[in-house]
Amino acid sequence: SLAYLESAVRLARARFASVSIEVAPLDEDGYRRMLKAGAEGVVVYQEAYDRGAYARVHTSGPKKDYDARLKAPEVAAKAGMRRIGIGALLGLAPWHGEAMALASHALRLQKTAWKSTLTLSLPRLRPAAGGFVPEHPVSDEDLVRLIAALRLLLPDAGIVLSTREAAPLRDRLALAGVTMMSAGSRTE
């Protein structure tokens, strides 16, 4: 519930200099409540910009509303959030289209949410235990190209890399424009 989230944000803010939240889309009042509780950033991953891919993986519940999710970062910025994070889960749809849509979304946010700092995250689905193989795999080379292109297009945006990536690749990408890395994530 919103009250629970407010309480959690207050507890975290008492112990940390900066608190960001990653929650289902809220309305503007909900984001203002989070801001008042101490959050200053919000992350809302679109996961898939391709509407067909999005519908295949979000079959019910609040996440099913594609448009609400797409608009959530802008609503959060309007409420006063200082940091906005967006991202696409690479592998759900062909990555070229997802990259173009993510870049377009970021450029729009730079115009409509210009008071907020923007970050982009590019986690990718990888083969996993149990025989899972992503329908649209993204190679290491393609990920490097994508990050380099985003860095050139959006020089002021933060680019977040998941630590689920192999250490040698992370080390290379840290030199190519990645500004933040998540810590200790496991997706097995």
C-alpha atoms as a PDB file:
ATOM      1  CA  SER A   1       0.000   0.000   0.000  1.00  0.00           C
ATOM      2  CA  LEU A   2       1.006   3.626  -0.351  1.00  0.00           C
ATOM      3  CA  ALA A   3       1.112   4.000   3.446  1.00  0.00           C
ATOM      4  CA  TYR A   4       3.527   1.047   3.692  1.00  0.00           C
ATOM      5  CA  LEU A   5       5.749   2.529   0.985  1.00  0.00           C
ATOM      6  CA  GLU A   6       5.777   5.899   2.765  1.00  0.00           C
ATOM      7  CA  SER A   7       6.842   4.199   5.976  1.00  0.00           C
ATOM      8  CA  ALA A   8       9.585   2.242   4.205  1.00  0.00           C
ATOM      9  CA  VAL A   9      10.879   5.382   2.478  1.00  0.00           C
ATOM     10  CA  ARG A  10      10.965   7.268   5.813  1.00  0.00           C
ATOM     11  CA  LEU A  11      12.941   4.419   7.421  1.00  0.00           C
ATOM     12  CA  ALA A  12      15.385   4.264   4.523  1.00  0.00           C
ATOM     13  CA  ARG A  13      15.782   8.049   4.373  1.00  0.00           C
ATOM     14  CA  ALA A  14      16.734   8.108   8.069  1.00  0.00           C
ATOM     15  CA  ARG A  15      19.683   5.834   7.256  1.00  0.00           C
ATOM     16  CA  PHE A  16      20.721   6.809   3.724  1.00  0.00           C
ATOM     17  CA  ALA A  17      21.581  10.099   2.050  1.00  0.00           C
ATOM     18  CA  SER A  18      19.523   9.305  -1.018  1.00  0.00           C
ATOM     19  CA  VAL A  19      16.479   7.098  -1.593  1.00  0.00           C
ATOM     20  CA  SER A  20      14.952   6.080  -4.912  1.00  0.00           C
ATOM     21  CA  ILE A  21      11.976   3.798  -5.392  1.00  0.00           C
ATOM     22  CA  GLU A  22      11.060   1.245  -8.023  1.00  0.00           C
ATOM     23  CA  VAL A  23       7.314   0.710  -7.818  1.00  0.00           C
ATOM     24  CA  ALA A  24       4.296   0.269 -10.055  1.00  0.00           C
ATOM     25  CA  PRO A  25       3.135   3.545 -11.590  1.00  0.00           C
ATOM     26  CA  LEU A  26       1.558   5.958  -9.121  1.00  0.00           C
ATOM     27  CA  ASP A  27      -0.538   9.009  -9.773  1.00  0.00           C
ATOM     28  CA  GLU A  28       0.962  12.460  -9.219  1.00  0.00           C
ATOM     29  CA  ASP A  29      -0.322  12.635  -5.637  1.00  0.00           C
ATOM     30  CA  GLY A  30       1.236   9.242  -4.884  1.00  0.00           C
ATOM     31  CA  TYR A  31       4.622  10.413  -6.141  1.00  0.00           C
ATOM     32  CA  ARG A  32       4.277  13.610  -4.094  1.00  0.00           C
ATOM     33  CA  ARG A  33       3.637  11.493  -1.007  1.00  0.00           C
ATOM     34  CA  MET A  34       6.789   9.491  -1.727  1.00  0.00           C
ATOM     35  CA  LEU A  35       8.726  12.736  -2.204  1.00  0.00           C
ATOM     36  CA  LYS A  36       7.436  14.116   1.094  1.00  0.00           C
ATOM     37  CA  ALA A  37       8.428  10.841   2.809  1.00  0.00           C
ATOM     38  CA  GLY A  38      12.001  11.304   1.553  1.00  0.00           C
ATOM     39  CA  ALA A  39      12.335   9.680  -1.861  1.00  0.00           C
ATOM     40  CA  GLU A  40      14.007  11.787  -4.505  1.00  0.00           C
ATOM     41  CA  GLY A  41      14.115   9.370  -7.392  1.00  0.00           C
ATOM     42  CA  VAL A  42      11.933   6.840  -9.137  1.00  0.00           C
ATOM     43  CA  VAL A  43      12.724   4.046 -11.576  1.00  0.00           C
ATOM     44  CA  VAL A  44       9.998   2.736 -13.879  1.00  0.00           C
ATOM     45  CA  TYR A  45      11.226   0.219 -16.415  1.00  0.00           C
ATOM     46  CA  GLN A  46       8.988  -0.006 -19.457  1.00  0.00           C
ATOM     47  CA  GLU A  47      10.543  -3.442 -19.941  1.00  0.00           C
ATOM     48  CA  ALA A  48       9.235  -3.704 -23.514  1.00  0.00           C
ATOM     49  CA  TYR A  49       8.377  -0.801 -25.787  1.00  0.00           C
ATOM     50  CA  ASP A  50       7.003  -3.157 -28.414  1.00  0.00           C
ATOM     51  CA  ARG A  51       3.289  -3.331 -27.529  1.00  0.00           C
ATOM     52  CA  GLY A  52       2.938  -6.952 -28.667  1.00  0.00           C
ATOM     53  CA  ALA A  53       5.897  -8.137 -26.585  1.00  0.00           C
ATOM     54  CA  TYR A  54       4.659  -6.075 -23.644  1.00  0.00           C
ATOM     55  CA  ALA A  55       1.200  -7.683 -23.842  1.00  0.00           C
ATOM     56  CA  ARG A  56       2.716 -11.196 -24.007  1.00  0.00           C
ATOM     57  CA  VAL A  57       4.605 -10.764 -20.716  1.00  0.00           C
ATOM     58  CA  HIS A  58       2.094  -8.570 -18.841  1.00  0.00           C
ATOM     59  CA  THR A  59      -1.147 -10.494 -19.063  1.00  0.00           C
ATOM     60  CA  SER A  60      -2.919  -9.198 -15.947  1.00  0.00           C
ATOM     61  CA  GLY A  61      -2.686  -6.846 -13.000  1.00  0.00           C
ATOM     62  CA  PRO A  62      -1.579  -3.217 -12.891  1.00  0.00           C
ATOM     63  CA  LYS A  63       1.473  -3.844 -15.078  1.00  0.00           C
ATOM     64  CA  LYS A  64      -0.846  -4.712 -17.957  1.00  0.00           C
ATOM     65  CA  ASP A  65      -1.535  -0.983 -18.561  1.00  0.00           C
ATOM     66  CA  TYR A  66       1.186  -0.134 -21.098  1.00  0.00           C
ATOM     67  CA  ASP A  67       0.290   3.551 -21.365  1.00  0.00           C
ATOM     68  CA  ALA A  68       0.239   4.147 -17.605  1.00  0.00           C
ATOM     69  CA  ARG A  69       3.690   2.621 -17.330  1.00  0.00           C
ATOM     70  CA  LEU A  70       5.009   4.671 -20.257  1.00  0.00           C
ATOM     71  CA  LYS A  71       3.690   7.928 -18.754  1.00  0.00           C
ATOM     72  CA  ALA A  72       4.765   7.190 -15.154  1.00  0.00           C
ATOM     73  CA  PRO A  73       8.265   8.751 -15.374  1.00  0.00           C
ATOM     74  CA  GLU A  74       6.788  12.005 -16.654  1.00  0.00           C
ATOM     75  CA  VAL A  75       4.135  11.982 -13.899  1.00  0.00           C
ATOM     76  CA  ALA A  76       6.863  11.388 -11.295  1.00  0.00           C
ATOM     77  CA  ALA A  77       8.905  14.289 -12.642  1.00  0.00           C
ATOM     78  CA  LYS A  78       5.855  16.540 -12.592  1.00  0.00           C
ATOM     79  CA  ALA A  79       5.371  15.614  -8.933  1.00  0.00           C
ATOM     80  CA  GLY A  80       8.926  16.813  -8.242  1.00  0.00           C
ATOM     81  CA  MET A  81      11.113  13.700  -8.338  1.00  0.00           C
ATOM     82  CA  ARG A  82      14.681  14.820  -8.989  1.00  0.00           C
ATOM     83  CA  ARG A  83      15.886  11.575 -10.574  1.00  0.00           C
ATOM     84  CA  ILE A  84      14.014   9.516 -13.154  1.00  0.00           C
ATOM     85  CA  GLY A  85      15.145   6.099 -14.367  1.00  0.00           C
ATOM     86  CA  ILE A  86      13.797   4.220 -17.377  1.00  0.00           C
ATOM     87  CA  GLY A  87      14.860   1.083 -19.171  1.00  0.00           C
ATOM     88  CA  ALA A  88      14.092  -1.737 -21.548  1.00  0.00           C
ATOM     89  CA  LEU A  89      14.577  -5.419 -20.769  1.00  0.00           C
ATOM     90  CA  LEU A  90      16.540  -6.404 -23.841  1.00  0.00           C
ATOM     91  CA  GLY A  91      15.560  -9.760 -25.290  1.00  0.00           C
ATOM     92  CA  LEU A  92      11.765  -9.474 -25.170  1.00  0.00           C
ATOM     93  CA  ALA A  93      11.624  -7.937 -28.670  1.00  0.00           C
ATOM     94  CA  PRO A  94      14.175  -7.156 -31.405  1.00  0.00           C
ATOM     95  CA  TRP A  95      16.720  -4.887 -29.729  1.00  0.00           C
ATOM     96  CA  HIS A  96      17.026  -2.320 -32.532  1.00  0.00           C
ATOM     97  CA  GLY A  97      13.387  -1.260 -32.155  1.00  0.00           C
ATOM     98  CA  GLU A  98      13.617  -1.321 -28.363  1.00  0.00           C
ATOM     99  CA  ALA A  99      16.734   0.864 -28.487  1.00  0.00           C
ATOM    100  CA  MET A 100      15.051   3.390 -30.761  1.00  0.00           C
ATOM    101  CA  ALA A 101      11.970   3.534 -28.540  1.00  0.00           C
ATOM    102  CA  LEU A 102      14.064   3.886 -25.366  1.00  0.00           C
ATOM    103  CA  ALA A 103      16.075   6.698 -26.954  1.00  0.00           C
ATOM    104  CA  SER A 104      12.889   8.410 -28.115  1.00  0.00           C
ATOM    105  CA  HIS A 105      11.379   8.095 -24.630  1.00  0.00           C
ATOM    106  CA  ALA A 106      14.551   9.547 -23.097  1.00  0.00           C
ATOM    107  CA  LEU A 107      14.616  12.477 -25.525  1.00  0.00           C
ATOM    108  CA  ARG A 108      10.974  13.225 -24.741  1.00  0.00           C
ATOM    109  CA  LEU A 109      11.692  13.129 -21.005  1.00  0.00           C
ATOM    110  CA  GLN A 110      14.603  15.514 -21.465  1.00  0.00           C
ATOM    111  CA  LYS A 111      12.092  18.016 -22.849  1.00  0.00           C
ATOM    112  CA  THR A 112       9.153  17.405 -20.517  1.00  0.00           C
ATOM    113  CA  ALA A 113      11.021  16.466 -17.328  1.00  0.00           C
ATOM    114  CA  TRP A 114      14.041  18.731 -17.768  1.00  0.00           C
ATOM    115  CA  LYS A 115      14.307  19.484 -14.039  1.00  0.00           C
ATOM    116  CA  SER A 116      15.002  15.815 -13.328  1.00  0.00           C
ATOM    117  CA  THR A 117      18.191  13.854 -13.909  1.00  0.00           C
ATOM    118  CA  LEU A 118      17.666  10.930 -16.273  1.00  0.00           C
ATOM    119  CA  THR A 119      19.164   7.434 -16.125  1.00  0.00           C
ATOM    120  CA  LEU A 120      18.787   4.567 -18.594  1.00  0.00           C
ATOM    121  CA  SER A 121      19.138   0.914 -17.727  1.00  0.00           C
ATOM    122  CA  LEU A 122      19.809  -1.846 -20.242  1.00  0.00           C
ATOM    123  CA  PRO A 123      19.424  -5.241 -18.562  1.00  0.00           C
ATOM    124  CA  ARG A 124      19.265  -8.099 -20.997  1.00  0.00           C
ATOM    125  CA  LEU A 125      17.738 -11.510 -20.811  1.00  0.00           C
ATOM    126  CA  ARG A 126      20.357 -14.229 -20.903  1.00  0.00           C
ATOM    127  CA  PRO A 127      20.191 -17.994 -21.245  1.00  0.00           C
ATOM    128  CA  ALA A 128      19.410 -19.436 -17.816  1.00  0.00           C
ATOM    129  CA  ALA A 129      19.132 -22.672 -15.888  1.00  0.00           C
ATOM    130  CA  GLY A 130      16.243 -24.855 -16.994  1.00  0.00           C
ATOM    131  CA  GLY A 131      16.910 -24.244 -20.671  1.00  0.00           C
ATOM    132  CA  PHE A 132      15.545 -20.703 -20.951  1.00  0.00           C
ATOM    133  CA  VAL A 133      16.843 -18.883 -24.027  1.00  0.00           C
ATOM    134  CA  PRO A 134      15.644 -15.349 -24.843  1.00  0.00           C
ATOM    135  CA  GLU A 135      13.574 -15.055 -27.985  1.00  0.00           C
ATOM    136  CA  HIS A 136      15.614 -12.029 -29.141  1.00  0.00           C
ATOM    137  CA  PRO A 137      19.148 -12.376 -27.732  1.00  0.00           C
ATOM    138  CA  VAL A 138      21.469  -9.363 -27.645  1.00  0.00           C
ATOM    139  CA  SER A 139      25.155 -10.099 -28.182  1.00  0.00           C
ATOM    140  CA  ASP A 140      27.929  -8.467 -26.165  1.00  0.00           C
ATOM    141  CA  GLU A 141      28.996  -6.552 -29.293  1.00  0.00           C
ATOM    142  CA  ASP A 142      25.480  -5.247 -29.842  1.00  0.00           C
ATOM    143  CA  LEU A 143      25.206  -4.174 -26.192  1.00  0.00           C
ATOM    144  CA  VAL A 144      28.501  -2.271 -26.490  1.00  0.00           C
ATOM    145  CA  ARG A 145      27.282  -0.570 -29.691  1.00  0.00           C
ATOM    146  CA  LEU A 146      23.985   0.337 -28.050  1.00  0.00           C
ATOM    147  CA  ILE A 147      25.634   1.874 -24.992  1.00  0.00           C
ATOM    148  CA  ALA A 148      28.063   3.835 -27.161  1.00  0.00           C
ATOM    149  CA  ALA A 149      25.199   5.153 -29.310  1.00  0.00           C
ATOM    150  CA  LEU A 150      23.156   6.148 -26.251  1.00  0.00           C
ATOM    151  CA  ARG A 151      26.176   7.887 -24.754  1.00  0.00           C
ATOM    152  CA  LEU A 152      26.610   9.939 -27.939  1.00  0.00           C
ATOM    153  CA  LEU A 153      22.893  10.741 -28.216  1.00  0.00           C
ATOM    154  CA  LEU A 154      22.330  11.471 -24.512  1.00  0.00           C
ATOM    155  CA  PRO A 155      25.638  12.748 -23.104  1.00  0.00           C
ATOM    156  CA  ASP A 156      24.093  13.952 -19.833  1.00  0.00           C
ATOM    157  CA  ALA A 157      22.059  10.833 -19.043  1.00  0.00           C
ATOM    158  CA  GLY A 158      23.290   8.218 -16.617  1.00  0.00           C
ATOM    159  CA  ILE A 159      23.660   4.723 -18.016  1.00  0.00           C
ATOM    160  CA  VAL A 160      23.179   1.835 -15.592  1.00  0.00           C
ATOM    161  CA  LEU A 161      24.679  -1.604 -16.185  1.00  0.00           C
ATOM    162  CA  SER A 162      23.561  -4.710 -14.345  1.00  0.00           C
ATOM    163  CA  THR A 163      26.178  -6.710 -12.470  1.00  0.00           C
ATOM    164  CA  ARG A 164      24.596  -9.791 -14.010  1.00  0.00           C
ATOM    165  CA  GLU A 165      26.953  -9.031 -16.918  1.00  0.00           C
ATOM    166  CA  ALA A 166      30.337 -10.768 -16.918  1.00  0.00           C
ATOM    167  CA  ALA A 167      33.173  -8.853 -15.234  1.00  0.00           C
ATOM    168  CA  PRO A 168      35.336  -8.419 -18.393  1.00  0.00           C
ATOM    169  CA  LEU A 169      32.381  -6.905 -20.257  1.00  0.00           C
ATOM    170  CA  ARG A 170      31.508  -4.640 -17.302  1.00  0.00           C
ATOM    171  CA  ASP A 171      35.102  -3.425 -17.184  1.00  0.00           C
ATOM    172  CA  ARG A 172      35.010  -2.564 -20.916  1.00  0.00           C
ATOM    173  CA  LEU A 173      31.666  -0.813 -20.642  1.00  0.00           C
ATOM    174  CA  ALA A 174      32.770   1.264 -17.677  1.00  0.00           C
ATOM    175  CA  LEU A 175      35.189   2.896 -20.120  1.00  0.00           C
ATOM    176  CA  ALA A 176      32.557   3.274 -22.855  1.00  0.00           C
ATOM    177  CA  GLY A 177      30.052   5.403 -21.020  1.00  0.00           C
ATOM    178  CA  VAL A 178      28.404   3.433 -18.225  1.00  0.00           C
ATOM    179  CA  THR A 179      28.040   5.680 -15.181  1.00  0.00           C
ATOM    180  CA  MET A 180      26.484   3.293 -12.614  1.00  0.00           C
ATOM    181  CA  MET A 181      26.359  -0.426 -11.918  1.00  0.00           C
ATOM    182  CA  SER A 182      23.893  -2.345  -9.824  1.00  0.00           C
ATOM    183  CA  ALA A 183      25.426  -4.491  -7.110  1.00  0.00           C
ATOM    184  CA  GLY A 184      25.139  -8.217  -6.576  1.00  0.00           C
ATOM    185  CA  SER A 185      22.098  -8.937  -8.711  1.00  0.00           C
ATOM    186  CA  ARG A 186      21.307 -12.577  -9.460  1.00  0.00           C
ATOM    187  CA  THR A 187      18.682 -13.741 -11.939  1.00  0.00           C
ATOM    188  CA  GLU A 188      19.039 -17.524 -11.810  1.00  0.00           C
END
